[in-house]
């Protein structure tokens, strides 16, 4: 029999810290609210109006993801707001490929010991990205589980819901031989390939986060923590003037593993690797890790974060529009008749 009553705090869960974190988060989250959000922060569920002016047949599009082991870099560097932006932008790009604009976002933050400052920094990143993408951070869950996470560690996942008019859905079904593939530049690794990158930079090369690398023109932290780009505004602007037959978000699996997902039967994509300059970060990883070319292209985005398939006659117009949006883009391939697959040459 214990001489002192057992409390929840004795088990590692601090309710007071949780309440303090929640109070700070509320102030941040309210910044993303718009007239469609029908509730205040703190209820068991988030309310969002189902009215979609201008859409005849609104279709909801949802997705969920995490930033994977990129959070390990956040632990190393003490920089936590960028992963907050990463998760929102990643999820936004996932529904964007179907033509959907984001409506609202929810997050799941799990940690061993709740640190209000860290939580607030992560949420501030999500708020920044939500505001930039025009969506509301409508709810989330902060879980304190001391038995599952090491001190200073956490996991982060996101859930997004967007909307598109049924007649405007992009699903790749209209892709045909003769179309061209446009590649849009990434801002770095985005949120994929970090297990391999971390093994090279941390385990093999023994670099600290503050290590400056001449070949990259920045520190390890700056190179690896670059924020996952949101393609929402450029793509939405592009589709106002050009018919987009298909969009592919280049995430885990690289170009071959993601572009193939939107190809209809009888269509083959031929991608010419010489049509864009692979950023120095990827070249550094390949050289110093002796990573095979095939592995690089199946693991990383290699400098292309989003691909659009358009008619050949629209290609130059599309490139010009994207250039106006200050997004480097290239014609990187074409669609031919053949087996449903992606060839890199």
Protein backbone atom coordinates (compact mmCIF):
# COMPACT_ATOMS: atom_id res chain seq x y z
CA UNK A 1 0.00 0.00 0.00
CA UNK A 2 1.38 3.40 -1.02
CA UNK A 3 1.86 5.96 1.75
CA UNK A 4 1.08 8.72 -0.73
CA UNK A 5 -1.91 8.69 -3.12
CA UNK A 6 -0.97 7.96 -6.74
CA UNK A 7 -1.71 10.83 -9.15
CA UNK A 8 -1.90 11.09 -12.93
CA UNK A 9 1.20 13.30 -12.80
CA UNK A 10 3.11 10.45 -11.12
CA UNK A 11 2.55 8.41 -14.29
CA UNK A 12 4.06 11.17 -16.44
CA UNK A 13 0.93 13.00 -17.56
CA UNK A 14 0.74 16.65 -16.50
CA UNK A 15 -2.83 17.97 -16.88
CA UNK A 16 -1.80 21.49 -15.88
CA UNK A 17 0.73 21.67 -18.72
CA UNK A 18 -1.91 20.31 -21.05
CA UNK A 19 -4.30 23.06 -20.10
CA UNK A 20 -1.58 25.68 -20.52
CA UNK A 21 -0.77 24.36 -23.99
CA UNK A 22 -4.45 24.31 -24.96
CA UNK A 23 -4.87 27.92 -23.87
CA UNK A 24 -1.99 29.07 -26.07
CA UNK A 25 -3.16 26.98 -29.02
CA UNK A 26 -6.66 28.50 -28.95
CA UNK A 27 -5.32 31.98 -29.60
CA UNK A 28 -3.31 30.71 -32.57
CA UNK A 29 -6.08 28.58 -34.06
CA UNK A 30 -8.64 31.41 -34.08
CA UNK A 31 -6.45 33.20 -36.64
CA UNK A 32 -7.44 30.62 -39.26
CA UNK A 33 -11.20 30.82 -38.72
CA UNK A 34 -13.56 32.15 -41.38
CA UNK A 35 -17.33 32.61 -41.66
CA UNK A 36 -17.82 28.91 -42.44
CA UNK A 37 -16.48 27.83 -39.03
CA UNK A 38 -19.51 27.61 -36.74
CA UNK A 39 -17.99 26.82 -33.36
CA UNK A 40 -15.44 28.09 -30.89
CA UNK A 41 -12.24 26.23 -30.02
CA UNK A 42 -12.61 23.55 -27.35
CA UNK A 43 -15.73 21.58 -28.25
CA UNK A 44 -15.59 17.84 -28.90
CA UNK A 45 -16.01 18.39 -32.64
CA UNK A 46 -15.49 21.11 -35.22
CA UNK A 47 -18.47 22.61 -37.06
CA UNK A 48 -18.10 23.74 -40.67
CA UNK A 49 -20.91 25.06 -42.86
CA UNK A 50 -21.95 22.78 -45.72
CA UNK A 51 -22.82 25.67 -48.02
CA UNK A 52 -20.57 25.98 -51.08
CA UNK A 53 -21.64 28.98 -53.18
CA UNK A 54 -20.85 28.61 -56.88
CA UNK A 55 -20.56 24.81 -56.81
CA UNK A 56 -23.45 22.89 -58.41
CA UNK A 57 -22.34 19.44 -57.24
CA UNK A 58 -19.81 19.88 -54.44
CA UNK A 59 -17.68 16.82 -53.74
CA UNK A 60 -15.67 16.56 -50.52
CA UNK A 61 -12.12 15.30 -50.91
CA UNK A 62 -10.17 14.17 -47.84
CA UNK A 63 -6.67 12.95 -47.05
CA UNK A 64 -4.42 12.17 -44.10
CA UNK A 65 -0.65 11.97 -43.73
CA UNK A 66 2.29 12.63 -41.44
CA UNK A 67 5.68 14.27 -41.82
CA UNK A 68 7.34 10.94 -41.10
CA UNK A 69 10.84 10.89 -39.68
CA UNK A 70 11.39 14.55 -40.56
CA UNK A 71 10.34 15.18 -36.96
CA UNK A 72 13.69 13.65 -35.94
CA UNK A 73 15.37 16.67 -37.54
CA UNK A 74 13.06 18.94 -35.58
CA UNK A 75 14.24 17.26 -32.37
CA UNK A 76 17.89 17.71 -33.41
CA UNK A 77 17.60 21.33 -34.48
CA UNK A 78 15.02 22.58 -32.00
CA UNK A 79 13.09 24.03 -34.97
CA UNK A 80 9.45 22.97 -34.73
CA UNK A 81 7.37 25.47 -36.69
CA UNK A 82 8.51 24.19 -40.10
CA UNK A 83 7.11 20.68 -39.60
CA UNK A 84 3.81 22.34 -38.75
CA UNK A 85 3.85 23.98 -42.18
CA UNK A 86 5.00 20.74 -43.78
CA UNK A 87 2.03 18.69 -42.66
CA UNK A 88 -0.53 21.25 -43.83
CA UNK A 89 1.13 21.79 -47.21
CA UNK A 90 1.62 18.06 -47.79
CA UNK A 91 -2.04 17.32 -47.15
CA UNK A 92 -3.11 20.34 -49.24
CA UNK A 93 -1.09 19.06 -52.21
CA UNK A 94 -2.59 15.59 -51.83
CA UNK A 95 -6.15 16.83 -52.40
CA UNK A 96 -5.05 19.50 -54.87
CA UNK A 97 -4.16 16.79 -57.41
CA UNK A 98 -7.91 16.12 -57.69
CA UNK A 99 -8.70 19.80 -58.16
CA UNK A 100 -9.90 20.35 -54.59
CA UNK A 101 -9.28 23.47 -52.53
CA UNK A 102 -8.85 22.94 -48.77
CA UNK A 103 -11.67 23.78 -46.37
CA UNK A 104 -10.43 22.69 -42.98
CA UNK A 105 -7.58 20.86 -41.30
CA UNK A 106 -7.18 18.81 -38.11
CA UNK A 107 -3.98 17.65 -36.46
CA UNK A 108 -2.82 14.88 -34.14
CA UNK A 109 0.15 15.66 -31.90
CA UNK A 110 1.40 12.87 -29.63
CA UNK A 111 4.32 13.12 -27.21
CA UNK A 112 5.78 11.57 -24.10
CA UNK A 113 5.92 14.71 -22.00
CA UNK A 114 3.96 17.78 -23.03
CA UNK A 115 6.05 20.90 -23.51
CA UNK A 116 3.73 23.90 -24.12
CA UNK A 117 6.42 25.92 -25.94
CA UNK A 118 7.09 23.11 -28.42
CA UNK A 119 3.39 22.46 -29.05
CA UNK A 120 2.79 26.17 -29.61
CA UNK A 121 5.66 26.35 -32.10
CA UNK A 122 4.34 23.37 -34.07
CA UNK A 123 0.82 24.82 -34.11
CA UNK A 124 2.12 28.24 -35.15
CA UNK A 125 3.56 26.57 -38.25
CA UNK A 126 0.25 24.89 -39.00
CA UNK A 127 -1.57 28.20 -38.53
CA UNK A 128 0.79 29.96 -40.92
CA UNK A 129 0.27 27.30 -43.61
CA UNK A 130 -3.50 27.14 -43.07
CA UNK A 131 -3.78 30.91 -43.53
CA UNK A 132 -1.63 30.76 -46.68
CA UNK A 133 -3.79 27.94 -48.09
CA UNK A 134 -7.09 29.53 -47.08
CA UNK A 135 -8.25 26.76 -44.77
CA UNK A 136 -9.31 26.66 -41.13
CA UNK A 137 -7.49 24.72 -38.42
CA UNK A 138 -10.75 23.46 -37.02
CA UNK A 139 -9.61 20.95 -34.41
CA UNK A 140 -7.03 18.48 -33.25
CA UNK A 141 -5.77 16.17 -30.52
CA UNK A 142 -2.82 16.61 -28.20
CA UNK A 143 -1.94 13.31 -26.55
CA UNK A 144 0.56 12.85 -23.72
CA UNK A 145 1.81 9.24 -23.59
CA UNK A 146 5.02 8.91 -21.57
CA UNK A 147 5.36 5.17 -22.16
CA UNK A 148 5.52 5.52 -25.94
CA UNK A 149 7.86 8.44 -26.67
CA UNK A 150 11.36 9.37 -25.54
CA UNK A 151 11.87 12.74 -23.81
CA UNK A 152 11.71 15.60 -26.29
CA UNK A 153 10.10 13.51 -29.03
CA UNK A 154 6.68 13.68 -30.63
CA UNK A 155 4.75 12.55 -33.69
CA UNK A 156 2.64 14.71 -35.95
CA UNK A 157 -0.16 13.77 -38.34
CA UNK A 158 -2.72 15.80 -40.25
CA UNK A 159 -6.19 15.37 -41.70
CA UNK A 160 -7.63 17.63 -44.40
CA UNK A 161 -10.99 18.07 -46.09
CA UNK A 162 -11.43 20.04 -49.29
CA UNK A 163 -14.09 20.58 -51.94
CA UNK A 164 -14.34 20.50 -55.73
CA UNK A 165 -17.27 20.73 -58.12
CA UNK A 166 -17.93 17.27 -59.53
CA UNK A 167 -17.43 18.42 -63.13
CA UNK A 168 -14.05 19.90 -62.16
CA UNK A 169 -12.55 16.75 -60.59
CA UNK A 170 -9.09 15.88 -61.92
CA UNK A 171 -8.50 12.12 -61.89
CA UNK A 172 -6.19 11.36 -64.82
CA UNK A 173 -8.88 9.64 -66.91
CA UNK A 174 -8.48 12.20 -69.71
CA UNK A 175 -4.72 11.62 -70.07
CA UNK A 176 -3.89 10.42 -73.58
CA UNK A 177 -0.87 9.67 -75.78
CA UNK A 178 0.63 12.90 -77.08
CA UNK A 179 0.15 14.80 -73.83
CA UNK A 180 3.20 16.30 -72.16
CA UNK A 181 4.31 16.19 -68.53
CA UNK A 182 5.28 19.40 -66.76
CA UNK A 183 7.42 19.20 -63.63
CA UNK A 184 7.20 21.89 -60.96
CA UNK A 185 10.21 22.53 -58.73
CA UNK A 186 10.31 21.33 -55.13
CA UNK A 187 11.90 23.23 -52.25
CA UNK A 188 13.98 20.27 -51.11
CA UNK A 189 13.19 16.84 -49.71
CA UNK A 190 9.69 18.01 -48.72
CA UNK A 191 8.52 15.25 -46.34
CA UNK A 192 9.98 12.08 -47.87
CA UNK A 193 13.28 10.23 -47.78
CA UNK A 194 14.37 11.45 -44.37
CA UNK A 195 15.30 8.04 -42.99
CA UNK A 196 17.94 7.70 -45.69
CA UNK A 197 19.02 11.36 -45.50
CA UNK A 198 19.35 11.27 -41.72
CA UNK A 199 21.37 8.03 -41.86
CA UNK A 200 23.84 9.68 -44.23
CA UNK A 201 24.17 13.11 -42.59
CA UNK A 202 23.93 12.02 -38.94
CA UNK A 203 24.99 8.37 -38.70
CA UNK A 204 27.54 8.15 -41.53
CA UNK A 205 29.00 11.65 -41.92
CA UNK A 206 28.47 12.59 -38.24
CA UNK A 207 27.37 16.11 -39.18
CA UNK A 208 25.76 18.39 -36.64
CA UNK A 209 22.70 20.38 -37.62
CA UNK A 210 24.78 23.59 -37.63
CA UNK A 211 27.41 22.16 -40.00
CA UNK A 212 27.81 24.43 -43.05
CA UNK A 213 28.19 22.56 -46.34
CA UNK A 214 29.89 24.48 -49.13
CA UNK A 215 28.31 22.35 -51.88
CA UNK A 216 24.85 23.29 -50.59
CA UNK A 217 25.54 26.88 -49.59
CA UNK A 218 23.78 26.39 -46.25
CA UNK A 219 23.79 24.37 -43.04
CA UNK A 220 22.52 20.82 -42.67
CA UNK A 221 19.48 22.11 -40.80
CA UNK A 222 18.65 24.68 -43.49
CA UNK A 223 18.96 22.08 -46.24
CA UNK A 224 16.92 19.35 -44.60
CA UNK A 225 14.30 21.48 -42.83
CA UNK A 226 13.21 23.46 -45.91
CA UNK A 227 9.41 23.68 -45.88
CA UNK A 228 7.34 21.40 -48.10
CA UNK A 229 5.98 23.62 -50.86
CA UNK A 230 2.26 24.19 -51.36
CA UNK A 231 1.33 24.18 -55.05
CA UNK A 232 -2.24 25.33 -54.39
CA UNK A 233 -2.09 28.88 -55.75
CA UNK A 234 -0.01 28.15 -58.89
CA UNK A 235 -2.10 25.12 -59.84
CA UNK A 236 -5.43 26.86 -59.24
CA UNK A 237 -4.23 29.77 -61.36
CA UNK A 238 -3.00 27.38 -64.06
CA UNK A 239 -6.31 25.58 -64.41
CA UNK A 240 -8.10 28.89 -65.08
CA UNK A 241 -6.36 29.01 -68.48
CA UNK A 242 -5.24 25.46 -69.23
CA UNK A 243 -7.07 22.13 -69.13
CA UNK A 244 -5.15 19.87 -66.76
CA UNK A 245 -5.57 16.17 -67.59
CA UNK A 246 -3.78 14.92 -64.48
CA UNK A 247 -1.75 15.97 -61.45
CA UNK A 248 0.69 13.92 -59.37
CA UNK A 249 2.13 14.94 -56.01
CA UNK A 250 5.67 13.53 -55.91
CA UNK A 251 6.03 12.06 -52.43
CA UNK A 252 7.20 8.65 -51.16
CA UNK A 253 7.98 6.45 -54.16
CA UNK A 254 9.32 9.37 -56.16
CA UNK A 255 8.35 10.14 -59.74
CA UNK A 256 7.87 6.50 -60.85
CA UNK A 257 5.73 5.57 -57.85
CA UNK A 258 3.41 8.59 -57.99
CA UNK A 259 2.99 9.55 -61.64
CA UNK A 260 1.87 5.99 -62.45
CA UNK A 261 -1.07 6.40 -60.04
CA UNK A 262 -2.87 8.77 -62.42
CA UNK A 263 -2.11 7.03 -65.73
CA UNK A 264 -5.08 5.36 -67.44
CA UNK A 265 -4.78 1.95 -69.05
CA UNK A 266 -2.77 2.00 -72.27
CA UNK A 267 -0.73 5.08 -71.34
CA UNK A 268 2.96 5.13 -70.60
CA UNK A 269 4.93 8.12 -69.29
CA UNK A 270 8.45 8.72 -70.60
CA UNK A 271 10.37 11.07 -68.33
CA UNK A 272 13.65 12.62 -69.51
CA UNK A 273 15.91 13.19 -66.50
CA UNK A 274 18.07 15.65 -68.46
CA UNK A 275 15.25 18.21 -68.78
CA UNK A 276 15.78 19.74 -65.34
CA UNK A 277 18.75 20.38 -63.09
CA UNK A 278 18.66 18.16 -60.02
CA UNK A 279 19.26 20.37 -56.94
CA UNK A 280 22.63 20.09 -55.13
CA UNK A 281 21.12 18.46 -52.03
CA UNK A 282 20.11 15.35 -53.96
CA UNK A 283 23.44 15.20 -55.77
CA UNK A 284 25.25 15.47 -52.43
CA UNK A 285 23.22 12.60 -50.96
CA UNK A 286 23.82 10.41 -54.02
CA UNK A 287 27.56 11.11 -54.16
CA UNK A 288 28.43 10.81 -50.47
CA UNK A 289 26.05 7.93 -49.85
CA UNK A 290 26.96 6.07 -53.06
CA UNK A 291 23.22 5.75 -53.66
CA UNK A 292 22.15 4.11 -56.92
CA UNK A 293 20.28 6.29 -59.41
CA UNK A 294 17.23 4.02 -59.26
CA UNK A 295 17.10 4.24 -55.46
CA UNK A 296 17.39 8.04 -55.57
CA UNK A 297 14.43 8.37 -57.95
CA UNK A 298 12.32 5.89 -55.98
CA UNK A 299 13.06 7.60 -52.64
CA UNK A 300 13.24 11.34 -53.31
CA UNK A 301 11.38 13.86 -55.47
CA UNK A 302 14.73 14.82 -57.09
CA UNK A 303 13.69 18.46 -57.40
CA UNK A 304 10.19 17.90 -58.83
CA UNK A 305 7.41 18.18 -56.25
CA UNK A 306 4.35 18.25 -58.51
CA UNK A 307 3.64 17.06 -62.06
CA UNK A 308 0.89 18.19 -64.40
CA UNK A 309 -0.19 16.44 -67.60
CA UNK A 310 -1.51 18.80 -70.28
CA UNK A 311 -2.06 18.83 -74.03
CA UNK A 312 1.08 19.57 -76.02
CA UNK A 313 -0.49 22.74 -77.51
CA UNK A 314 -0.94 24.14 -73.98
CA UNK A 315 2.56 23.35 -72.67
CA UNK A 316 4.25 26.68 -73.45
CA UNK A 317 1.28 28.62 -72.11
CA UNK A 318 1.39 26.58 -68.90
CA UNK A 319 5.10 27.22 -68.43
CA UNK A 320 4.60 30.95 -68.96
CA UNK A 321 1.80 31.08 -66.39
CA UNK A 322 3.84 29.17 -63.82
CA UNK A 323 6.80 31.47 -64.44
CA UNK A 324 4.57 34.44 -63.63
CA UNK A 325 3.78 32.69 -60.35
CA UNK A 326 7.55 32.48 -59.70
CA UNK A 327 7.54 28.70 -59.84
CA UNK A 328 10.34 27.06 -61.85
CA UNK A 329 8.78 24.49 -64.17
CA UNK A 330 9.92 22.32 -67.07
CA UNK A 331 8.57 20.02 -69.76
CA UNK A 332 10.00 16.79 -68.41
CA UNK A 333 8.30 14.11 -70.48
CA UNK A 334 5.46 12.86 -72.61
CA UNK A 335 2.68 10.30 -72.64
CA UNK A 336 2.87 7.48 -75.20
CA UNK A 337 0.89 4.34 -75.97
CA UNK A 338 1.97 1.32 -74.02
CA UNK A 339 1.95 -0.48 -70.73
CA UNK A 340 0.75 1.59 -67.77
CA UNK A 341 4.11 2.54 -66.25
CA UNK A 342 6.71 5.30 -65.94
CA UNK A 343 10.04 5.07 -67.73
CA UNK A 344 12.99 7.25 -66.74
CA UNK A 345 15.61 7.86 -69.40
